[in-house]
Amino acid sequence: MLIEETELAACVRKSLNRYFKDLDGEDPSGVYEMAVQALEKPLLMYIMDRAEGNQTRASEMLGINRNTLRKKLKLHGLSD
């Protein structure tokens, strides 16, 4: 079964291709954490905006626990 790549996945893959090209032979390090950090903050900002700052609604949209959302918002400097 062939699974079609989503537009978001294609953007991630394109960015990773550029990252590895820019390494110019250097060994990669911490790629997973780098990718998660690059995606998570803008995702949280976007969803919080869509939820008009309502953490309960945002956590439901994200499919995560509200306490987890609060922790992630604090981690990224997005909490009050």
PDB file of N, CA and C in Angstrom:
ATOM      1  N   MET A   1       0.845  -1.179   0.000  1.00  0.00           N
ATOM      2  CA  MET A   1       0.000   0.000   0.000  1.00  0.00           C
ATOM      3  C   MET A   1       0.892   1.245   0.000  1.00  0.00           C
ATOM      4  N   LEU A   2       0.669   2.145  -0.920  1.00  0.00           N
ATOM      5  CA  LEU A   2       1.418   3.382  -1.032  1.00  0.00           C
ATOM      6  C   LEU A   2       0.704   4.460  -0.219  1.00  0.00           C
ATOM      7  N   ILE A   3       1.428   5.060   0.696  1.00  0.00           N
ATOM      8  CA  ILE A   3       0.850   6.115   1.524  1.00  0.00           C
ATOM      9  C   ILE A   3       1.349   7.451   0.991  1.00  0.00           C
ATOM     10  N   GLU A   4       0.438   8.340   0.682  1.00  0.00           N
ATOM     11  CA  GLU A   4       0.794   9.646   0.148  1.00  0.00           C
ATOM     12  C   GLU A   4       1.345  10.531   1.268  1.00  0.00           C
ATOM     13  N   GLU A   5       2.433  11.198   0.989  1.00  0.00           N
ATOM     14  CA  GLU A   5       3.058  12.084   1.969  1.00  0.00           C
ATOM     15  C   GLU A   5       2.233  13.366   2.099  1.00  0.00           C
ATOM     16  N   THR A   6       2.022  13.802   3.334  1.00  0.00           N
ATOM     17  CA  THR A   6       1.293  15.049   3.557  1.00  0.00           C
ATOM     18  C   THR A   6       2.187  16.237   3.229  1.00  0.00           C
ATOM     19  N   GLU A   7       1.576  17.376   3.040  1.00  0.00           N
ATOM     20  CA  GLU A   7       2.323  18.607   2.751  1.00  0.00           C
ATOM     21  C   GLU A   7       3.264  18.941   3.905  1.00  0.00           C
ATOM     22  N   LEU A   8       2.791  18.763   5.132  1.00  0.00           N
ATOM     23  CA  LEU A   8       3.632  19.038   6.296  1.00  0.00           C
ATOM     24  C   LEU A   8       4.837  18.099   6.332  1.00  0.00           C
ATOM     25  N   ALA A   9       4.604  16.818   6.093  1.00  0.00           N
ATOM     26  CA  ALA A   9       5.704  15.852   6.085  1.00  0.00           C
ATOM     27  C   ALA A   9       6.712  16.194   4.993  1.00  0.00           C
ATOM     28  N   ALA A  10       6.226  16.639   3.844  1.00  0.00           N
ATOM     29  CA  ALA A  10       7.122  17.018   2.750  1.00  0.00           C
ATOM     30  C   ALA A  10       7.987  18.219   3.146  1.00  0.00           C
ATOM     31  N   CYS A  11       7.403  19.181   3.858  1.00  0.00           N
ATOM     32  CA  CYS A  11       8.162  20.342   4.335  1.00  0.00           C
ATOM     33  C   CYS A  11       9.239  19.921   5.331  1.00  0.00           C
ATOM     34  N   VAL A  12       8.882  19.011   6.226  1.00  0.00           N
ATOM     35  CA  VAL A  12       9.848  18.519   7.211  1.00  0.00           C
ATOM     36  C   VAL A  12      10.997  17.814   6.498  1.00  0.00           C
ATOM     37  N   ARG A  13      10.656  16.950   5.560  1.00  0.00           N
ATOM     38  CA  ARG A  13      11.690  16.216   4.830  1.00  0.00           C
ATOM     39  C   ARG A  13      12.590  17.169   4.053  1.00  0.00           C
ATOM     40  N   LYS A  14      12.021  18.183   3.438  1.00  0.00           N
ATOM     41  CA  LYS A  14      12.797  19.179   2.694  1.00  0.00           C
ATOM     42  C   LYS A  14      13.755  19.921   3.633  1.00  0.00           C
ATOM     43  N   SER A  15      13.266  20.293   4.805  1.00  0.00           N
ATOM     44  CA  SER A  15      14.115  20.979   5.781  1.00  0.00           C
ATOM     45  C   SER A  15      15.235  20.078   6.280  1.00  0.00           C
ATOM     46  N   LEU A  16      14.926  18.812   6.499  1.00  0.00           N
ATOM     47  CA  LEU A  16      15.960  17.869   6.936  1.00  0.00           C
ATOM     48  C   LEU A  16      16.999  17.650   5.838  1.00  0.00           C
ATOM     49  N   ASN A  17      16.556  17.570   4.601  1.00  0.00           N
ATOM     50  CA  ASN A  17      17.506  17.449   3.491  1.00  0.00           C
ATOM     51  C   ASN A  17      18.459  18.635   3.465  1.00  0.00           C
ATOM     52  N   ARG A  18      17.927  19.836   3.650  1.00  0.00           N
ATOM     53  CA  ARG A  18      18.756  21.049   3.682  1.00  0.00           C
ATOM     54  C   ARG A  18      19.720  21.017   4.868  1.00  0.00           C
ATOM     55  N   TYR A  19      19.218  20.580   6.040  1.00  0.00           N
ATOM     56  CA  TYR A  19      20.064  20.487   7.234  1.00  0.00           C
ATOM     57  C   TYR A  19      21.255  19.567   6.983  1.00  0.00           C
ATOM     58  N   PHE A  20      20.982  18.375   6.458  1.00  0.00           N
ATOM     59  CA  PHE A  20      22.063  17.424   6.222  1.00  0.00           C
ATOM     60  C   PHE A  20      23.017  17.912   5.131  1.00  0.00           C
ATOM     61  N   LYS A  21      22.502  18.596   4.131  1.00  0.00           N
ATOM     62  CA  LYS A  21      23.355  19.166   3.092  1.00  0.00           C
ATOM     63  C   LYS A  21      24.263  20.231   3.691  1.00  0.00           C
ATOM     64  N   ASP A  22      23.702  21.071   4.561  1.00  0.00           N
ATOM     65  CA  ASP A  22      24.476  22.147   5.187  1.00  0.00           C
ATOM     66  C   ASP A  22      25.549  21.624   6.141  1.00  0.00           C
ATOM     67  N   LEU A  23      25.382  20.394   6.629  1.00  0.00           N
ATOM     68  CA  LEU A  23      26.400  19.816   7.515  1.00  0.00           C
ATOM     69  C   LEU A  23      27.721  19.618   6.775  1.00  0.00           C
ATOM     70  N   ASP A  24      27.640  19.459   5.472  1.00  0.00           N
ATOM     71  CA  ASP A  24      28.827  19.344   4.632  1.00  0.00           C
ATOM     72  C   ASP A  24      29.815  18.303   5.163  1.00  0.00           C
ATOM     73  N   GLY A  25      29.301  17.110   5.465  1.00  0.00           N
ATOM     74  CA  GLY A  25      30.161  16.021   5.898  1.00  0.00           C
ATOM     75  C   GLY A  25      30.335  15.887   7.400  1.00  0.00           C
ATOM     76  N   GLU A  26      29.934  16.890   8.161  1.00  0.00           N
ATOM     77  CA  GLU A  26      30.020  16.811   9.630  1.00  0.00           C
ATOM     78  C   GLU A  26      28.990  15.810  10.143  1.00  0.00           C
ATOM     79  N   ASP A  27      29.261  15.205  11.289  1.00  0.00           N
ATOM     80  CA  ASP A  27      28.325  14.254  11.885  1.00  0.00           C
ATOM     81  C   ASP A  27      27.124  14.982  12.485  1.00  0.00           C
ATOM     82  N   PRO A  28      25.912  14.498  12.199  1.00  0.00           N
ATOM     83  CA  PRO A  28      24.725  15.104  12.814  1.00  0.00           C
ATOM     84  C   PRO A  28      24.641  14.739  14.288  1.00  0.00           C
ATOM     85  N   SER A  29      23.988  15.593  15.044  1.00  0.00           N
ATOM     86  CA  SER A  29      23.823  15.336  16.475  1.00  0.00           C
ATOM     87  C   SER A  29      22.513  15.959  16.949  1.00  0.00           C
ATOM     88  N   GLY A  30      21.737  15.196  17.730  1.00  0.00           N
ATOM     89  CA  GLY A  30      20.509  15.732  18.318  1.00  0.00           C
ATOM     90  C   GLY A  30      19.437  16.085  17.309  1.00  0.00           C
ATOM     91  N   VAL A  31      19.370  15.348  16.216  1.00  0.00           N
ATOM     92  CA  VAL A  31      18.428  15.667  15.142  1.00  0.00           C
ATOM     93  C   VAL A  31      16.977  15.561  15.617  1.00  0.00           C
ATOM     94  N   TYR A  32      16.682  14.532  16.400  1.00  0.00           N
ATOM     95  CA  TYR A  32      15.301  14.359  16.866  1.00  0.00           C
ATOM     96  C   TYR A  32      14.857  15.562  17.692  1.00  0.00           C
ATOM     97  N   GLU A  33      15.644  15.928  18.683  1.00  0.00           N
ATOM     98  CA  GLU A  33      15.291  17.056  19.560  1.00  0.00           C
ATOM     99  C   GLU A  33      15.198  18.352  18.758  1.00  0.00           C
ATOM    100  N   MET A  34      16.110  18.550  17.831  1.00  0.00           N
ATOM    101  CA  MET A  34      16.096  19.749  16.993  1.00  0.00           C
ATOM    102  C   MET A  34      14.791  19.826  16.194  1.00  0.00           C
ATOM    103  N   ALA A  35      14.396  18.706  15.599  1.00  0.00           N
ATOM    104  CA  ALA A  35      13.179  18.687  14.784  1.00  0.00           C
ATOM    105  C   ALA A  35      11.932  18.914  15.640  1.00  0.00           C
ATOM    106  N   VAL A  36      11.870  18.281  16.798  1.00  0.00           N
ATOM    107  CA  VAL A  36      10.719  18.442  17.692  1.00  0.00           C
ATOM    108  C   VAL A  36      10.613  19.895  18.147  1.00  0.00           C
ATOM    109  N   GLN A  37      11.732  20.484  18.541  1.00  0.00           N
ATOM    110  CA  GLN A  37      11.720  21.873  18.992  1.00  0.00           C
ATOM    111  C   GLN A  37      11.292  22.824  17.871  1.00  0.00           C
ATOM    112  N   ALA A  38      11.752  22.548  16.663  1.00  0.00           N
ATOM    113  CA  ALA A  38      11.421  23.411  15.527  1.00  0.00           C
ATOM    114  C   ALA A  38       9.933  23.359  15.190  1.00  0.00           C
ATOM    115  N   LEU A  39       9.301  22.232  15.428  1.00  0.00           N
ATOM    116  CA  LEU A  39       7.883  22.075  15.120  1.00  0.00           C
ATOM    117  C   LEU A  39       6.986  22.463  16.298  1.00  0.00           C
ATOM    118  N   GLU A  40       7.407  22.104  17.511  1.00  0.00           N
ATOM    119  CA  GLU A  40       6.524  22.223  18.671  1.00  0.00           C
ATOM    120  C   GLU A  40       6.156  23.663  19.008  1.00  0.00           C
ATOM    121  N   LYS A  41       7.114  24.576  19.046  1.00  0.00           N
ATOM    122  CA  LYS A  41       6.800  25.956  19.441  1.00  0.00           C
ATOM    123  C   LYS A  41       5.826  26.628  18.480  1.00  0.00           C
ATOM    124  N   PRO A  42       6.087  26.605  17.165  1.00  0.00           N
ATOM    125  CA  PRO A  42       5.104  27.236  16.275  1.00  0.00           C
ATOM    126  C   PRO A  42       3.744  26.536  16.298  1.00  0.00           C
ATOM    127  N   LEU A  43       3.736  25.221  16.506  1.00  0.00           N
ATOM    128  CA  LEU A  43       2.473  24.492  16.622  1.00  0.00           C
ATOM    129  C   LEU A  43       1.694  24.980  17.840  1.00  0.00           C
ATOM    130  N   LEU A  44       2.367  25.073  18.975  1.00  0.00           N
ATOM    131  CA  LEU A  44       1.708  25.551  20.196  1.00  0.00           C
ATOM    132  C   LEU A  44       1.203  26.979  20.031  1.00  0.00           C
ATOM    133  N   MET A  45       2.011  27.832  19.426  1.00  0.00           N
ATOM    134  CA  MET A  45       1.599  29.226  19.213  1.00  0.00           C
ATOM    135  C   MET A  45       0.355  29.291  18.329  1.00  0.00           C
ATOM    136  N   TYR A  46       0.349  28.506  17.276  1.00  0.00           N
ATOM    137  CA  TYR A  46      -0.776  28.508  16.350  1.00  0.00           C
ATOM    138  C   TYR A  46      -2.047  28.001  17.023  1.00  0.00           C
ATOM    139  N   ILE A  47      -1.939  26.895  17.713  1.00  0.00           N
ATOM    140  CA  ILE A  47      -3.120  26.301  18.357  1.00  0.00           C
ATOM    141  C   ILE A  47      -3.639  27.195  19.479  1.00  0.00           C
ATOM    142  N   MET A  48      -2.734  27.788  20.260  1.00  0.00           N
ATOM    143  CA  MET A  48      -3.186  28.699  21.326  1.00  0.00           C
ATOM    144  C   MET A  48      -3.926  29.891  20.723  1.00  0.00           C
ATOM    145  N   ASP A  49      -3.459  30.367  19.571  1.00  0.00           N
ATOM    146  CA  ASP A  49      -4.148  31.462  18.897  1.00  0.00           C
ATOM    147  C   ASP A  49      -5.527  31.010  18.420  1.00  0.00           C
ATOM    148  N   ARG A  50      -5.586  29.810  17.805  1.00  0.00           N
ATOM    149  CA  ARG A  50      -6.868  29.283  17.330  1.00  0.00           C
ATOM    150  C   ARG A  50      -7.849  29.062  18.477  1.00  0.00           C
ATOM    151  N   ALA A  51      -7.314  28.679  19.651  1.00  0.00           N
ATOM    152  CA  ALA A  51      -8.157  28.423  20.825  1.00  0.00           C
ATOM    153  C   ALA A  51      -8.383  29.703  21.632  1.00  0.00           C
ATOM    154  N   GLU A  52      -7.931  30.836  21.089  1.00  0.00           N
ATOM    155  CA  GLU A  52      -8.086  32.141  21.739  1.00  0.00           C
ATOM    156  C   GLU A  52      -7.560  32.129  23.164  1.00  0.00           C
ATOM    157  N   GLY A  53      -6.427  31.437  23.375  1.00  0.00           N
ATOM    158  CA  GLY A  53      -5.784  31.403  24.678  1.00  0.00           C
ATOM    159  C   GLY A  53      -6.380  30.418  25.669  1.00  0.00           C
ATOM    160  N   ASN A  54      -7.429  29.722  25.277  1.00  0.00           N
ATOM    161  CA  ASN A  54      -8.088  28.766  26.165  1.00  0.00           C
ATOM    162  C   ASN A  54      -7.303  27.453  26.169  1.00  0.00           C
ATOM    163  N   GLN A  55      -6.618  27.185  27.293  1.00  0.00           N
ATOM    164  CA  GLN A  55      -5.760  26.009  27.373  1.00  0.00           C
ATOM    165  C   GLN A  55      -6.545  24.702  27.308  1.00  0.00           C
ATOM    166  N   THR A  56      -7.726  24.684  27.864  1.00  0.00           N
ATOM    167  CA  THR A  56      -8.540  23.469  27.813  1.00  0.00           C
ATOM    168  C   THR A  56      -8.884  23.143  26.363  1.00  0.00           C
ATOM    169  N   ARG A  57      -9.330  24.149  25.633  1.00  0.00           N
ATOM    170  CA  ARG A  57      -9.666  23.946  24.227  1.00  0.00           C
ATOM    171  C   ARG A  57      -8.433  23.575  23.407  1.00  0.00           C
ATOM    172  N   ALA A  58      -7.326  24.240  23.687  1.00  0.00           N
ATOM    173  CA  ALA A  58      -6.081  23.960  22.957  1.00  0.00           C
ATOM    174  C   ALA A  58      -5.618  22.531  23.211  1.00  0.00           C
ATOM    175  N   SER A  59      -5.690  22.090  24.460  1.00  0.00           N
ATOM    176  CA  SER A  59      -5.250  20.726  24.778  1.00  0.00           C
ATOM    177  C   SER A  59      -6.143  19.697  24.083  1.00  0.00           C
ATOM    178  N   GLU A  60      -7.424  20.006  23.972  1.00  0.00           N
ATOM    179  CA  GLU A  60      -8.336  19.107  23.249  1.00  0.00           C
ATOM    180  C   GLU A  60      -8.001  19.070  21.761  1.00  0.00           C
ATOM    181  N   MET A  61      -7.700  20.233  21.188  1.00  0.00           N
ATOM    182  CA  MET A  61      -7.334  20.291  19.778  1.00  0.00           C
ATOM    183  C   MET A  61      -6.056  19.496  19.510  1.00  0.00           C
ATOM    184  N   LEU A  62      -5.109  19.576  20.444  1.00  0.00           N
ATOM    185  CA  LEU A  62      -3.834  18.884  20.284  1.00  0.00           C
ATOM    186  C   LEU A  62      -3.917  17.403  20.651  1.00  0.00           C
ATOM    187  N   GLY A  63      -4.926  17.050  21.442  1.00  0.00           N
ATOM    188  CA  GLY A  63      -5.062  15.669  21.893  1.00  0.00           C
ATOM    189  C   GLY A  63      -4.081  15.325  22.997  1.00  0.00           C
ATOM    190  N   ILE A  64      -3.765  16.334  23.819  1.00  0.00           N
ATOM    191  CA  ILE A  64      -2.867  16.115  24.959  1.00  0.00           C
ATOM    192  C   ILE A  64      -3.524  16.615  26.237  1.00  0.00           C
ATOM    193  N   ASN A  65      -3.014  16.151  27.356  1.00  0.00           N
ATOM    194  CA  ASN A  65      -3.496  16.559  28.664  1.00  0.00           C
ATOM    195  C   ASN A  65      -3.202  18.051  28.885  1.00  0.00           C
ATOM    196  N   ARG A  66      -4.089  18.750  29.567  1.00  0.00           N
ATOM    197  CA  ARG A  66      -3.902  20.183  29.810  1.00  0.00           C
ATOM    198  C   ARG A  66      -2.628  20.463  30.599  1.00  0.00           C
ATOM    199  N   ASN A  67      -2.296  19.602  31.560  1.00  0.00           N
ATOM    200  CA  ASN A  67      -1.058  19.795  32.315  1.00  0.00           C
ATOM    201  C   ASN A  67       0.166  19.636  31.421  1.00  0.00           C
ATOM    202  N   THR A  68       0.088  18.727  30.472  1.00  0.00           N
ATOM    203  CA  THR A  68       1.181  18.557  29.507  1.00  0.00           C
ATOM    204  C   THR A  68       1.312  19.818  28.656  1.00  0.00           C
ATOM    205  N   LEU A  69       0.187  20.366  28.235  1.00  0.00           N
ATOM    206  CA  LEU A  69       0.200  21.610  27.461  1.00  0.00           C
ATOM    207  C   LEU A  69       0.850  22.720  28.269  1.00  0.00           C
ATOM    208  N   ARG A  70       0.449  22.870  29.516  1.00  0.00           N
ATOM    209  CA  ARG A  70       1.034  23.918  30.368  1.00  0.00           C
ATOM    210  C   ARG A  70       2.546  23.765  30.469  1.00  0.00           C
ATOM    211  N   LYS A  71       3.003  22.523  30.655  1.00  0.00           N
ATOM    212  CA  LYS A  71       4.438  22.244  30.759  1.00  0.00           C
ATOM    213  C   LYS A  71       5.154  22.654  29.468  1.00  0.00           C
ATOM    214  N   LYS A  72       4.565  22.317  28.328  1.00  0.00           N
ATOM    215  CA  LYS A  72       5.175  22.644  27.041  1.00  0.00           C
ATOM    216  C   LYS A  72       5.156  24.153  26.784  1.00  0.00           C
ATOM    217  N   LEU A  73       4.089  24.821  27.164  1.00  0.00           N
ATOM    218  CA  LEU A  73       4.029  26.276  27.008  1.00  0.00           C
ATOM    219  C   LEU A  73       5.125  26.942  27.840  1.00  0.00           C
ATOM    220  N   LYS A  74       5.301  26.483  29.057  1.00  0.00           N
ATOM    221  CA  LYS A  74       6.350  27.032  29.928  1.00  0.00           C
ATOM    222  C   LYS A  74       7.734  26.762  29.346  1.00  0.00           C
ATOM    223  N   LEU A  75       7.950  25.547  28.853  1.00  0.00           N
ATOM    224  CA  LEU A  75       9.227  25.147  28.271  1.00  0.00           C
ATOM    225  C   LEU A  75       9.617  26.078  27.115  1.00  0.00           C
ATOM    226  N   HIS A  76       8.633  26.494  26.338  1.00  0.00           N
ATOM    227  CA  HIS A  76       8.894  27.329  25.171  1.00  0.00           C
ATOM    228  C   HIS A  76       8.723  28.826  25.456  1.00  0.00           C
ATOM    229  N   GLY A  77       8.528  29.178  26.726  1.00  0.00           N
ATOM    230  CA  GLY A  77       8.389  30.583  27.096  1.00  0.00           C
ATOM    231  C   GLY A  77       7.098  31.209  26.583  1.00  0.00           C
ATOM    232  N   LEU A  78       6.050  30.414  26.504  1.00  0.00           N
ATOM    233  CA  LEU A  78       4.773  30.879  25.974  1.00  0.00           C
ATOM    234  C   LEU A  78       3.691  31.037  27.038  1.00  0.00           C
ATOM    235  N   SER A  79       4.050  30.845  28.297  1.00  0.00           N
ATOM    236  CA  SER A  79       3.050  30.972  29.368  1.00  0.00           C
ATOM    237  C   SER A  79       3.187  32.337  30.029  1.00  0.00           C
ATOM    238  N   ASP A  80       2.136  32.716  30.717  1.00  0.00           N
ATOM    239  CA  ASP A  80       2.125  34.034  31.407  1.00  0.00           C
ATOM    240  C   ASP A  80       3.116  34.098  32.533  1.00  0.00           C
TER     241      ASP A  80
END
